[in-house]
Amino acid sequence: MGSPEHQIRRAPAAGPALTALTALTARPPEQAVATDRWRYARHLDRLAAAGAAGAAAEAGAVAEVLRDADPVMAQSAVVTHLDRRALRLAPGAGFHDWARALRRVLDGHAFPARRLREWTLLKAIGAGGEWSPEELAAASDWCQRTASQSRAGDEALALLAASGRTRRVRNAAARRLHRRATS
């Protein structure tokens, strides 16, 4: 009916091999999301259970999760687990032993390895341990934001107030320093 651009063209018929492959791999989007969420939750459960069993068991579980077919989802589950565990662990030997056990497993996985390094930095800052201003200045937005809201010492807060990566970090650090000075 009129010009060719208004006509509906039919795609060539797919061969039997392509049809079989499509039937095996195609899932409705809702089912794919539900399956991915289920796997993510299952990974978190497995990691939490392994965390209660000790650092060696936890490192093995982290390695297993990182072998998942979806590396983004697997690394996200591992980072969520790292955040949960690091919050509960007090700075000191327990945290350092845990971090040392996981560091070997995270080698080659940039995002979770960086998060573990940044948790180590945050624990050092909060406990008055050794840390370098260069390392804090080069840290991610997440790390700087977390440091500005944590029990960081005046030196770390002054650094973040002066040269934090974002305005949010600079303002939060400056407010904390001001409150400390006036109380």
C-alpha atoms as a PDB file:
ATOM      1  CA  MET A   1       0.000   0.000   0.000  1.00  0.00           C
ATOM      2  CA  GLY A   2       2.047   2.850  -1.146  1.00  0.00           C
ATOM      3  CA  SER A   3       5.761   3.184  -0.719  1.00  0.00           C
ATOM      4  CA  PRO A   4       7.981   0.265   0.379  1.00  0.00           C
ATOM      5  CA  GLU A   5       8.837   1.839   3.764  1.00  0.00           C
ATOM      6  CA  HIS A   6       5.230   1.382   4.851  1.00  0.00           C
ATOM      7  CA  GLN A   7       5.151  -2.274   3.966  1.00  0.00           C
ATOM      8  CA  ILE A   8       5.734  -4.912   6.597  1.00  0.00           C
ATOM      9  CA  ARG A   9       8.559  -7.234   5.754  1.00  0.00           C
ATOM     10  CA  ARG A  10       8.694 -10.685   7.193  1.00  0.00           C
ATOM     11  CA  ALA A  11      11.924 -11.961   8.657  1.00  0.00           C
ATOM     12  CA  PRO A  12      13.299 -15.077   7.017  1.00  0.00           C
ATOM     13  CA  ALA A  13      12.224 -18.255   8.726  1.00  0.00           C
ATOM     14  CA  ALA A  14      14.635 -19.473  11.370  1.00  0.00           C
ATOM     15  CA  GLY A  15      16.151 -22.883  10.919  1.00  0.00           C
ATOM     16  CA  PRO A  16      15.436 -25.690  13.378  1.00  0.00           C
ATOM     17  CA  ALA A  17      18.798 -25.286  15.158  1.00  0.00           C
ATOM     18  CA  LEU A  18      18.199 -21.587  15.837  1.00  0.00           C
ATOM     19  CA  THR A  19      14.649 -22.243  17.004  1.00  0.00           C
ATOM     20  CA  ALA A  20      15.848 -24.933  19.443  1.00  0.00           C
ATOM     21  CA  LEU A  21      18.606 -22.673  20.792  1.00  0.00           C
ATOM     22  CA  THR A  22      16.199 -19.785  21.279  1.00  0.00           C
ATOM     23  CA  ALA A  23      13.749 -22.047  23.104  1.00  0.00           C
ATOM     24  CA  LEU A  24      16.501 -23.206  25.480  1.00  0.00           C
ATOM     25  CA  THR A  25      17.957 -19.789  26.295  1.00  0.00           C
ATOM     26  CA  ALA A  26      14.956 -17.476  26.099  1.00  0.00           C
ATOM     27  CA  ARG A  27      13.200 -16.755  29.360  1.00  0.00           C
ATOM     28  CA  PRO A  28      10.517 -14.209  30.003  1.00  0.00           C
ATOM     29  CA  PRO A  29      12.168 -11.100  31.509  1.00  0.00           C
ATOM     30  CA  GLU A  30      10.241 -11.502  34.773  1.00  0.00           C
ATOM     31  CA  GLN A  31      11.497 -15.067  35.171  1.00  0.00           C
ATOM     32  CA  ALA A  32      15.094 -14.057  34.418  1.00  0.00           C
ATOM     33  CA  VAL A  33      14.991 -11.278  37.038  1.00  0.00           C
ATOM     34  CA  ALA A  34      13.410 -13.584  39.614  1.00  0.00           C
ATOM     35  CA  THR A  35      16.046 -16.247  38.983  1.00  0.00           C
ATOM     36  CA  ASP A  36      18.875 -13.713  39.273  1.00  0.00           C
ATOM     37  CA  ARG A  37      17.442 -12.296  42.501  1.00  0.00           C
ATOM     38  CA  TRP A  38      17.096 -15.787  43.896  1.00  0.00           C
ATOM     39  CA  ARG A  39      20.724 -16.623  43.040  1.00  0.00           C
ATOM     40  CA  TYR A  40      21.914 -13.322  44.548  1.00  0.00           C
ATOM     41  CA  ALA A  41      20.002 -13.999  47.784  1.00  0.00           C
ATOM     42  CA  ARG A  42      21.292 -17.584  47.825  1.00  0.00           C
ATOM     43  CA  HIS A  43      24.876 -16.324  47.456  1.00  0.00           C
ATOM     44  CA  LEU A  44      24.384 -13.907  50.360  1.00  0.00           C
ATOM     45  CA  ASP A  45      22.957 -16.686  52.540  1.00  0.00           C
ATOM     46  CA  ARG A  46      25.856 -18.995  51.666  1.00  0.00           C
ATOM     47  CA  LEU A  47      28.409 -16.269  52.428  1.00  0.00           C
ATOM     48  CA  ALA A  48      26.790 -15.394  55.764  1.00  0.00           C
ATOM     49  CA  ALA A  49      26.762 -19.045  56.829  1.00  0.00           C
ATOM     50  CA  ALA A  50      30.399 -19.460  55.805  1.00  0.00           C
ATOM     51  CA  GLY A  51      31.341 -16.275  57.681  1.00  0.00           C
ATOM     52  CA  ALA A  52      30.098 -17.870  60.882  1.00  0.00           C
ATOM     53  CA  ALA A  53      32.237 -20.964  60.193  1.00  0.00           C
ATOM     54  CA  GLY A  54      35.582 -19.153  60.108  1.00  0.00           C
ATOM     55  CA  ALA A  55      37.845 -17.237  57.744  1.00  0.00           C
ATOM     56  CA  ALA A  56      38.972 -20.290  55.738  1.00  0.00           C
ATOM     57  CA  ALA A  57      35.399 -21.447  55.081  1.00  0.00           C
ATOM     58  CA  GLU A  58      34.392 -17.904  54.231  1.00  0.00           C
ATOM     59  CA  ALA A  59      37.256 -17.503  51.759  1.00  0.00           C
ATOM     60  CA  GLY A  60      36.218 -20.770  50.074  1.00  0.00           C
ATOM     61  CA  ALA A  61      32.613 -19.597  49.814  1.00  0.00           C
ATOM     62  CA  VAL A  62      33.710 -16.258  48.355  1.00  0.00           C
ATOM     63  CA  ALA A  63      35.812 -18.059  45.755  1.00  0.00           C
ATOM     64  CA  GLU A  64      32.840 -20.259  44.862  1.00  0.00           C
ATOM     65  CA  VAL A  65      30.494 -17.286  44.469  1.00  0.00           C
ATOM     66  CA  LEU A  66      33.028 -15.482  42.288  1.00  0.00           C
ATOM     67  CA  ARG A  67      32.894 -18.430  39.854  1.00  0.00           C
ATOM     68  CA  ASP A  68      29.225 -17.672  39.096  1.00  0.00           C
ATOM     69  CA  ALA A  69      28.402 -17.281  35.398  1.00  0.00           C
ATOM     70  CA  ASP A  70      27.337 -13.657  35.965  1.00  0.00           C
ATOM     71  CA  PRO A  71      30.479 -11.898  37.252  1.00  0.00           C
ATOM     72  CA  VAL A  72      28.732  -8.576  37.948  1.00  0.00           C
ATOM     73  CA  MET A  73      26.094 -10.216  40.128  1.00  0.00           C
ATOM     74  CA  ALA A  74      28.687 -12.395  41.856  1.00  0.00           C
ATOM     75  CA  GLN A  75      30.972  -9.467  42.656  1.00  0.00           C
ATOM     76  CA  SER A  76      28.000  -7.455  43.880  1.00  0.00           C
ATOM     77  CA  ALA A  77      27.032 -10.262  46.265  1.00  0.00           C
ATOM     78  CA  VAL A  78      30.607 -10.504  47.524  1.00  0.00           C
ATOM     79  CA  VAL A  79      30.861  -6.735  48.096  1.00  0.00           C
ATOM     80  CA  THR A  80      27.542  -6.718  49.968  1.00  0.00           C
ATOM     81  CA  HIS A  81      28.889  -9.524  52.132  1.00  0.00           C
ATOM     82  CA  LEU A  82      32.186  -7.685  52.699  1.00  0.00           C
ATOM     83  CA  ASP A  83      30.289  -4.580  53.796  1.00  0.00           C
ATOM     84  CA  ARG A  84      28.132  -6.544  56.239  1.00  0.00           C
ATOM     85  CA  ARG A  85      31.036  -8.471  57.743  1.00  0.00           C
ATOM     86  CA  ALA A  86      33.430  -5.520  57.966  1.00  0.00           C
ATOM     87  CA  LEU A  87      30.850  -3.475  59.854  1.00  0.00           C
ATOM     88  CA  ARG A  88      30.557  -6.200  62.493  1.00  0.00           C
ATOM     89  CA  LEU A  89      34.286  -6.844  62.884  1.00  0.00           C
ATOM     90  CA  ALA A  90      36.180  -4.630  65.289  1.00  0.00           C
ATOM     91  CA  PRO A  91      39.506  -3.234  64.136  1.00  0.00           C
ATOM     92  CA  GLY A  92      42.391  -5.341  65.283  1.00  0.00           C
ATOM     93  CA  ALA A  93      43.635  -8.868  64.872  1.00  0.00           C
ATOM     94  CA  GLY A  94      40.219 -10.357  64.031  1.00  0.00           C
ATOM     95  CA  PHE A  95      39.641  -7.934  61.190  1.00  0.00           C
ATOM     96  CA  HIS A  96      43.200  -8.254  59.874  1.00  0.00           C
ATOM     97  CA  ASP A  97      43.088 -12.061  59.895  1.00  0.00           C
ATOM     98  CA  TRP A  98      39.758 -11.974  58.056  1.00  0.00           C
ATOM     99  CA  ALA A  99      41.030  -9.455  55.497  1.00  0.00           C
ATOM    100  CA  ARG A 100      44.231 -11.456  54.931  1.00  0.00           C
ATOM    101  CA  ALA A 101      42.249 -14.656  54.253  1.00  0.00           C
ATOM    102  CA  LEU A 102      39.975 -12.916  51.767  1.00  0.00           C
ATOM    103  CA  ARG A 103      42.669 -10.861  50.036  1.00  0.00           C
ATOM    104  CA  ARG A 104      44.096 -13.952  48.318  1.00  0.00           C
ATOM    105  CA  VAL A 105      40.679 -15.028  47.025  1.00  0.00           C
ATOM    106  CA  LEU A 106      39.803 -11.555  45.718  1.00  0.00           C
ATOM    107  CA  ASP A 107      42.979 -11.258  43.648  1.00  0.00           C
ATOM    108  CA  GLY A 108      41.936 -10.608  40.055  1.00  0.00           C
ATOM    109  CA  HIS A 109      38.521  -9.201  41.014  1.00  0.00           C
ATOM    110  CA  ALA A 110      39.046  -5.439  41.030  1.00  0.00           C
ATOM    111  CA  PHE A 111      35.823  -4.210  42.637  1.00  0.00           C
ATOM    112  CA  PRO A 112      35.709  -6.532  45.673  1.00  0.00           C
ATOM    113  CA  ALA A 113      39.496  -6.292  46.151  1.00  0.00           C
ATOM    114  CA  ARG A 114      39.278  -2.492  46.223  1.00  0.00           C
ATOM    115  CA  ARG A 115      36.388  -2.598  48.689  1.00  0.00           C
ATOM    116  CA  LEU A 116      38.427  -4.821  51.011  1.00  0.00           C
ATOM    117  CA  ARG A 117      41.420  -2.436  50.777  1.00  0.00           C
ATOM    118  CA  GLU A 118      39.127   0.487  51.549  1.00  0.00           C
ATOM    119  CA  TRP A 119      37.611  -1.310  54.550  1.00  0.00           C
ATOM    120  CA  THR A 120      41.148  -1.882  55.807  1.00  0.00           C
ATOM    121  CA  LEU A 121      41.834   1.844  55.393  1.00  0.00           C
ATOM    122  CA  LEU A 122      38.604   2.786  57.187  1.00  0.00           C
ATOM    123  CA  LYS A 123      39.403   0.464  60.097  1.00  0.00           C
ATOM    124  CA  ALA A 124      42.892   1.997  60.396  1.00  0.00           C
ATOM    125  CA  ILE A 125      41.479   5.537  60.349  1.00  0.00           C
ATOM    126  CA  GLY A 126      38.794   4.705  62.917  1.00  0.00           C
ATOM    127  CA  ALA A 127      41.170   2.911  65.277  1.00  0.00           C
ATOM    128  CA  GLY A 128      43.969   5.470  65.070  1.00  0.00           C
ATOM    129  CA  GLY A 129      46.194   3.059  63.170  1.00  0.00           C
ATOM    130  CA  GLU A 130      48.636   3.763  60.390  1.00  0.00           C
ATOM    131  CA  TRP A 131      47.216   5.169  57.168  1.00  0.00           C
ATOM    132  CA  SER A 132      48.431   7.557  54.508  1.00  0.00           C
ATOM    133  CA  PRO A 133      46.751  10.790  53.427  1.00  0.00           C
ATOM    134  CA  GLU A 134      47.514   9.865  49.805  1.00  0.00           C
ATOM    135  CA  GLU A 135      45.570   6.626  50.151  1.00  0.00           C
ATOM    136  CA  LEU A 136      42.531   8.421  51.595  1.00  0.00           C
ATOM    137  CA  ALA A 137      42.721  11.138  48.936  1.00  0.00           C
ATOM    138  CA  ALA A 138      42.784   8.469  46.197  1.00  0.00           C
ATOM    139  CA  ALA A 139      39.961   6.420  47.760  1.00  0.00           C
ATOM    140  CA  SER A 140      36.576   6.030  46.106  1.00  0.00           C
ATOM    141  CA  ASP A 141      33.640   8.325  46.768  1.00  0.00           C
ATOM    142  CA  TRP A 142      32.081   5.559  48.864  1.00  0.00           C
ATOM    143  CA  CYS A 143      35.169   5.263  51.059  1.00  0.00           C
ATOM    144  CA  GLN A 144      35.534   9.003  51.561  1.00  0.00           C
ATOM    145  CA  ARG A 145      31.826   9.377  52.335  1.00  0.00           C
ATOM    146  CA  THR A 146      31.988   6.502  54.821  1.00  0.00           C
ATOM    147  CA  ALA A 147      35.105   7.981  56.452  1.00  0.00           C
ATOM    148  CA  SER A 148      33.468  11.390  56.789  1.00  0.00           C
ATOM    149  CA  GLN A 149      30.541   9.765  58.634  1.00  0.00           C
ATOM    150  CA  SER A 150      32.606   7.401  60.799  1.00  0.00           C
ATOM    151  CA  ARG A 151      34.746   7.789  63.906  1.00  0.00           C
ATOM    152  CA  ALA A 152      37.583   9.228  61.850  1.00  0.00           C
ATOM    153  CA  GLY A 153      40.147  11.322  63.646  1.00  0.00           C
ATOM    154  CA  ASP A 154      40.583  15.043  63.144  1.00  0.00           C
ATOM    155  CA  GLU A 155      43.470  14.550  60.698  1.00  0.00           C
ATOM    156  CA  ALA A 156      41.330  12.440  58.343  1.00  0.00           C
ATOM    157  CA  LEU A 157      38.342  14.792  58.658  1.00  0.00           C
ATOM    158  CA  ALA A 158      40.532  17.838  57.960  1.00  0.00           C
ATOM    159  CA  LEU A 159      41.922  16.147  54.858  1.00  0.00           C
ATOM    160  CA  LEU A 160      38.419  15.268  53.631  1.00  0.00           C
ATOM    161  CA  ALA A 161      37.061  18.741  54.441  1.00  0.00           C
ATOM    162  CA  ALA A 162      39.846  20.336  52.422  1.00  0.00           C
ATOM    163  CA  SER A 163      40.180  17.942  49.499  1.00  0.00           C
ATOM    164  CA  GLY A 164      37.402  15.375  49.556  1.00  0.00           C
ATOM    165  CA  ARG A 165      36.369  14.165  46.149  1.00  0.00           C
ATOM    166  CA  THR A 166      32.774  15.457  46.329  1.00  0.00           C
ATOM    167  CA  ARG A 167      31.058  18.460  47.896  1.00  0.00           C
ATOM    168  CA  ARG A 168      28.992  16.045  49.997  1.00  0.00           C
ATOM    169  CA  VAL A 169      32.157  14.562  51.534  1.00  0.00           C
ATOM    170  CA  ARG A 170      33.803  17.962  52.069  1.00  0.00           C
ATOM    171  CA  ASN A 171      30.676  19.370  53.760  1.00  0.00           C
ATOM    172  CA  ALA A 172      30.118  16.311  55.978  1.00  0.00           C
ATOM    173  CA  ALA A 173      33.734  16.320  57.129  1.00  0.00           C
ATOM    174  CA  ALA A 174      33.686  20.082  57.777  1.00  0.00           C
ATOM    175  CA  ARG A 175      30.454  19.756  59.818  1.00  0.00           C
ATOM    176  CA  ARG A 176      31.939  16.955  61.934  1.00  0.00           C
ATOM    177  CA  LEU A 177      35.101  19.001  62.564  1.00  0.00           C
ATOM    178  CA  HIS A 178      33.019  22.041  63.498  1.00  0.00           C
ATOM    179  CA  ARG A 179      30.870  20.014  65.934  1.00  0.00           C
ATOM    180  CA  ARG A 180      33.982  18.591  67.574  1.00  0.00           C
ATOM    181  CA  ALA A 181      35.495  22.054  67.936  1.00  0.00           C
ATOM    182  CA  THR A 182      32.365  23.522  69.519  1.00  0.00           C
ATOM    183  CA  SER A 183      31.604  20.685  71.925  1.00  0.00           C
END
